[in-house]
Amino acid sequence: MELIYIWIDKYRTFNNTGVSLSDKFKVQYDFEKNTIIIKENPYFYNIFPDNILNVSAILGKNAAGKSNLLDLIGMKLRDRNNLSEEFEIKYSRPKEKFGVIRYPQDIEEERKNSQYFFIYYIGKDSNGESLYCFEGNDIEQYGKLIENKENIDFKYYKSKYWFSFICYSEVEKLRYNATVQDTFVNHTEILSLKENSAIILLREKYNPRYFDNQSFVNEDEYKIAVPRRVAKFTSDFLYKKIEFLIKQMSVENRSIYADDHYTLNIRYANDVYDYSDENLNICGFKNIKGANVTKKEAWICELLSSFYFHFINSIGLTKREGDLKVSHLKERMPQLNSNEVTYQKIKKYYDTALNVVAANFFEGKSEEFEFFFKRYTDLVGFLEKLFLEVSSTAAIEINENYIEIKINSKIEKEPLLKLIELTIDEPQESEIKQKPFSVFQNFFSFDVRFLSDGELGYLGLMSIIDEQITVKLDGKNHFILLLDEPETRMHPELARTFIKTLLDFLGQYKNKTFQIILASHSPFLVSDIPKAHVLTVEKSGFSSIVQTCTFDTFAQNVHVLLRDAFFMNATLGAYSHFKIEEVKECLDNGTASDLEMIGAEYIVNKIGEPVIKSMLQEKLRDKKKGFQTIELTDAIKKYNNLSSTDKEALIKHIINSQNLGD
């Protein structure tokens, strides 16, 4: 699936605007005649890898409308009418707190505040005929482009304020074939666009006026539409970040993650709970005397003890002193014999105590109890295997309530990722896979040390892309990635290599295709994209104007891109530009003072741009020659006005001074 054309009658700052995302297709929409012509360019050549359908860039100054355009493409349907941006309905009867039900016949006025549609190219059917997806928000207006209208329930799609159809392109019209949730055949597969495709919008921060917590929920909307997801530039899963970090550290001559190792700390909560439970007579591990355990065994025992107290605190059992049920539980609690307090005895002690409390809490809910205890025993079993059975854990250092893991390119990846899965990522995994609840919610925490802000940002971006593709949208094969200023926290060298790195990164997903649309301020990103794929957005009054770039951007000089594609008045800093203009004025001024000349020469010597520096140095030399000529003329005039005796005395003084070295 590839987005090839957008028509906007009105949306935020855009009006009567057609947007083509490449020269692969030429789409001509005539809103007055209600016609649309789609022509495929037979000479188009894709310079990107086979699984990358297109890479497009949207350029513009701040507040020009770049993010608005990405919102238009990627925003979920549920968010589109926030602030009544899409439509407003005025009823003849006002809505009251109780009792009054308003019916369709009560509608007095329906105002459409936004109107637009999208054309996606899907592929060719078994007969070699091109298939397109036609999607928009106003079936009344844009349904006129469909030739066989009798096959469409207009009333239904009007009530949903959305439509999404699979169509063929006819002469100046579209021919309806199916909805995006219906199964259809293209030349490579049998698919449902709703089941097999997704648009993913990614950015650092979202405007709370348009997005809320529900915007980020990982589920397809019920409406007949191309699925959309919204996420920030960071993964919910730590294992995705660490996996990408390890992979990058194995790259030779890398410009990022260049250190020999980074440190991951995984800690458990043990500082907010009492070390004994007087209600149930359970002793915290720190209060157990004479424990005959190794350092590694002690670490696991302390974790078991801390989790027991974490659990009883989370279910409120610590506040129920004197409760009959608490008294009943107390009778069933284990006792720890002070003789030969071994690791196995301590483990059994906390296992039994947790079992008693959990069985009581999940009484009548056997499946939930089994799920809870399986998560617990899986973790304990893995920790025992990792710390007590494996001969060497050189990369792991045990501390009081946390473990320190040194991450490098040679670390054994699978055990590390499994550890993260069972601890840090357990709450996220429970939510994504719709488990009954999270067992270790708020119990584990982490930090990754020695990563710069830019490296963290890069790590977050790549890991969230991987998370969306392999976890949250697993099973889908066709993606449109919308990236809003991905280079924000990147060093220029990272920005320069970003497109190449991203394309290589997406190459790992077999049998999946991608279209990338990014809004950017970076000339390095744009220099990797042909001009037909580059859009410029400029503000004119309160409106945004979109145009296709008119000059060659691919492999273009960065200075040219800054000047022509990024709407810059100069490619130097504003203050240095101001000082250079001052120097030029000084050197062009016939009455510049000695002090001004000294200042001008100092600034010229500091200039880094070689062409400007050379030009000003030449002006400075000419100015100095002029000064020297004036000084010599004045000296000759003074000498001629001297008497013969004074002239002779002056000459002798000059000779003597030279002999003495003065």
Foldseek 3Di string as FASTA:
>chain_A
DAWAKKAWCDAQFAHRDIDGQFLQWDWDADLVVLFIDIDGDPPDDDPADPQAPAEFAEFEDPPLCPVVVVCVVFFDPVLCCQVHQAKDWDFQDDDDPDDDDGDPVRTPDMGGNIWMKTKGWDAAFQVRFTKIKIKIQACVRNVSQEDPSVVDDSVVSPVVSMAIFIWGDDHRGTYGDGFQQDWDGGNPDIDRQQLFEEEEEEEADDDPSRDDPVLQDLDADPDRDRGHHYDYLADLAPLLLLVVLLVQQVDPPDPFNPDQWWKKKKFFDDPPFDQAQPLQGRGHLVPQPPEPEDPLLSQLLNLLRRLLRVVCVVVPVSVQRPDPVSVVLSVQQDDQDSPHNYSVSSVVNSLSSSLSVLCVVCPVPVVVSVVLVVLVVVLSVLSCCQRPVDPDDPQWDDDDGIIMGIRGNPDPSPSVSVNSCSAVCQQVVCVLVVPVGGNCVPGMDMDMPDHDPQRNSVSSNLSNVVCVDCGSSDSHAEYEYEYEASCPSPDLVCLLCVVVVVSVSVVVDPNHHYYYYYYHPALSNQLCHFQSSYWYWGDDPSHIHIDGGDDGSHNDDSQVCCVRVNVDPHPDDPVLVVVLVVLVVLLVDLDRDPVSLVVSVVSLVVDDDVVSSVVSVVSSVVSVVVVVVVVVVVVVVVLVPDDPVVNVVVVVVVVVCVVVVD
